[in-house]
């Protein structure tokens, strides 16, 4: 069983409450627009970090973190990217790959809009954790916690942080 803390779009702002909310997590996953390498370093010093770079991230982050990250967590095929779209509206860049070889869990950020959608056509769960930072138009900052247990994705919690 692996407990995941998921966030995106921090844009160089790291709320200290994240450490409390992710204290019992085994890993932190960041879906891009980290903002600066110091923020990523702080997260990775706290828990193992899997992250991708986003469109606002500079070379310091792009050297360390990839654009796309595909891996197995327990028995779940996971794909994380920053700009990925969502069911029935996947981005042009990921669409061929997602239809050819769909993961079980597809995670992206970018929109700052929290979404958890099951794609029946591709038999995958799409998650966008919204934005954990203060940059953007969102009214609420959000994080997600969930558990991967063998091949099951369960115990999903949405955490709202005040602006």
Protein backbone atom coordinates (compact mmCIF):
# COMPACT_ATOMS: atom_id res chain seq x y z
CA UNK A 1 0.00 0.00 0.00
CA UNK A 2 1.37 3.40 -1.03
CA UNK A 3 -0.09 6.67 0.24
CA UNK A 4 0.27 9.56 -2.21
CA UNK A 5 0.14 13.31 -1.69
CA UNK A 6 -0.65 14.98 -5.03
CA UNK A 7 -0.32 18.66 -5.94
CA UNK A 8 0.29 20.91 -8.90
CA UNK A 9 0.79 24.52 -9.90
CA UNK A 10 2.59 25.75 -6.80
CA UNK A 11 4.19 28.57 -8.82
CA UNK A 12 7.00 29.02 -6.25
CA UNK A 13 4.59 29.15 -3.29
CA UNK A 14 4.75 26.33 -0.77
CA UNK A 15 2.18 26.48 2.01
CA UNK A 16 3.67 25.00 5.20
CA UNK A 17 0.33 23.23 5.84
CA UNK A 18 1.22 20.85 3.00
CA UNK A 19 3.74 19.16 5.29
CA UNK A 20 1.00 18.47 7.84
CA UNK A 21 -1.42 17.14 5.23
CA UNK A 22 1.24 14.94 3.58
CA UNK A 23 2.88 13.74 6.83
CA UNK A 24 1.43 10.23 6.50
CA UNK A 25 2.09 9.95 2.76
CA UNK A 26 4.80 7.69 1.37
CA UNK A 27 5.43 9.83 -1.72
CA UNK A 28 4.60 13.29 -3.07
CA UNK A 29 3.70 13.70 -6.74
CA UNK A 30 3.82 17.16 -8.36
CA UNK A 31 2.14 17.69 -11.74
CA UNK A 32 4.20 20.68 -12.87
CA UNK A 33 4.55 24.44 -12.63
CA UNK A 34 6.71 23.96 -9.58
CA UNK A 35 8.11 27.47 -9.87
CA UNK A 36 11.62 27.09 -8.47
CA UNK A 37 14.04 24.30 -7.66
CA UNK A 38 14.17 25.26 -3.97
CA UNK A 39 10.48 24.35 -3.62
CA UNK A 40 11.11 20.95 -5.23
CA UNK A 41 14.15 20.41 -3.01
CA UNK A 42 12.10 21.19 0.10
CA UNK A 43 9.43 18.67 -0.92
CA UNK A 44 11.99 15.99 -1.83
CA UNK A 45 13.78 16.47 1.50
CA UNK A 46 10.45 15.76 3.24
CA UNK A 47 9.25 12.75 1.20
CA UNK A 48 10.28 10.99 -2.02
CA UNK A 49 9.16 13.29 -4.85
CA UNK A 50 8.01 12.36 -8.34
CA UNK A 51 7.49 15.46 -10.45
CA UNK A 52 7.26 16.82 -13.98
CA UNK A 53 8.05 20.28 -15.22
CA UNK A 54 5.37 22.68 -16.35
CA UNK A 55 5.23 25.50 -18.87
CA UNK A 56 6.43 28.15 -16.36
CA UNK A 57 9.35 26.10 -15.05
CA UNK A 58 12.88 27.13 -15.94
CA UNK A 59 15.93 25.11 -16.95
CA UNK A 60 16.87 24.43 -13.32
CA UNK A 61 13.71 22.35 -12.93
CA UNK A 62 13.68 20.94 -16.49
CA UNK A 63 17.16 19.47 -15.99
CA UNK A 64 15.98 17.49 -12.95
CA UNK A 65 12.36 16.65 -13.79
CA UNK A 66 10.97 15.34 -17.12
CA UNK A 67 8.03 16.61 -19.17
CA UNK A 68 6.29 13.22 -18.95
CA UNK A 69 6.70 10.65 -16.22
CA UNK A 70 5.34 7.14 -16.67
CA UNK A 71 5.91 4.49 -14.03
CA UNK A 72 4.31 1.69 -12.07
CA UNK A 73 3.17 2.31 -8.52
CA UNK A 74 2.26 -1.04 -7.01
CA UNK A 75 0.24 -2.54 -9.91
CA UNK A 76 -1.05 0.75 -11.30
CA UNK A 77 0.34 2.23 -14.52
CA UNK A 78 0.69 5.98 -13.86
CA UNK A 79 1.34 8.80 -16.34
CA UNK A 80 2.00 12.33 -15.03
CA UNK A 81 2.39 15.35 -17.30
CA UNK A 82 1.61 19.02 -16.86
CA UNK A 83 -0.53 19.81 -19.91
CA UNK A 84 -2.63 16.75 -20.62
CA UNK A 85 -6.23 17.83 -20.96
CA UNK A 86 -8.98 15.57 -19.68
CA UNK A 87 -11.39 12.87 -20.97
CA UNK A 88 -12.92 13.80 -24.34
CA UNK A 89 -10.46 16.72 -24.55
CA UNK A 90 -6.91 15.35 -24.21
CA UNK A 91 -4.11 17.60 -25.42
CA UNK A 92 -2.75 16.98 -28.92
CA UNK A 93 0.61 15.97 -27.50
CA UNK A 94 -0.67 13.16 -25.26
CA UNK A 95 -3.68 12.03 -27.29
CA UNK A 96 -1.88 9.52 -29.57
CA UNK A 97 -0.06 7.88 -26.67
CA UNK A 98 -3.03 7.80 -24.33
CA UNK A 99 -5.19 6.09 -26.96
CA UNK A 100 -2.45 3.68 -28.06
CA UNK A 101 -1.43 2.64 -24.54
CA UNK A 102 -3.67 4.13 -21.86
CA UNK A 103 -2.40 4.18 -18.28
CA UNK A 104 -4.71 3.27 -15.42
CA UNK A 105 -4.07 6.66 -13.77
CA UNK A 106 -3.50 9.85 -15.80
CA UNK A 107 -2.49 12.96 -13.82
CA UNK A 108 -1.97 16.49 -15.08
CA UNK A 109 -2.13 20.06 -13.85
CA UNK A 110 -2.05 23.36 -15.76
CA UNK A 111 -5.75 24.34 -15.66
CA UNK A 112 -5.79 25.13 -11.90
CA UNK A 113 -9.16 23.35 -11.90
CA UNK A 114 -9.60 20.34 -9.65
CA UNK A 115 -10.96 17.38 -11.62
CA UNK A 116 -11.36 13.70 -10.86
CA UNK A 117 -12.98 12.00 -13.86
CA UNK A 118 -13.25 8.34 -14.81
CA UNK A 119 -12.74 7.88 -18.56
CA UNK A 120 -14.97 4.92 -19.46
CA UNK A 121 -13.67 4.76 -23.05
CA UNK A 122 -10.05 4.28 -21.97
CA UNK A 123 -10.71 2.65 -18.57
CA UNK A 124 -8.54 5.16 -16.72
CA UNK A 125 -8.87 7.59 -13.86
CA UNK A 126 -7.95 11.19 -14.68
CA UNK A 127 -6.89 13.48 -11.83
CA UNK A 128 -6.02 17.16 -11.90
CA UNK A 129 -5.33 18.27 -8.31
CA UNK A 130 -6.01 21.93 -9.10
CA UNK A 131 -3.54 24.54 -7.90
CA UNK A 132 -1.69 24.55 -4.57
CA UNK A 133 -0.07 27.94 -5.19
CA UNK A 134 -1.43 31.46 -5.06
CA UNK A 135 -0.85 32.44 -8.70
CA UNK A 136 -3.87 32.17 -10.97
CA UNK A 137 -7.57 32.73 -10.86
CA UNK A 138 -8.60 29.85 -8.58
CA UNK A 139 -10.69 30.76 -5.56
CA UNK A 140 -9.48 27.81 -3.47
CA UNK A 141 -6.10 26.09 -3.41
CA UNK A 142 -6.34 22.31 -3.49
CA UNK A 143 -4.35 19.13 -2.81
CA UNK A 144 -5.32 15.47 -3.06
CA UNK A 145 -4.39 12.48 -0.95
CA UNK A 146 -5.10 8.91 -2.01
CA UNK A 147 -3.86 5.36 -1.64
CA UNK A 148 -2.73 2.85 -4.21
CA UNK A 149 -3.21 -0.68 -2.91
CA UNK A 150 -2.03 -3.28 -5.40
CA UNK A 151 -4.18 -2.35 -8.43
CA UNK A 152 -6.75 -0.26 -6.55
CA UNK A 153 -6.86 3.53 -6.27
CA UNK A 154 -8.81 4.35 -3.14
CA UNK A 155 -9.36 6.58 -0.10
CA UNK A 156 -9.23 9.78 -2.16
CA UNK A 157 -9.39 13.00 -0.14
CA UNK A 158 -9.60 16.53 -1.48
CA UNK A 159 -7.95 19.11 0.75
CA UNK A 160 -8.85 22.78 0.41
CA UNK A 161 -6.49 25.52 1.52
CA UNK A 162 -7.50 29.15 1.97
CA UNK A 163 -6.12 31.71 -0.46
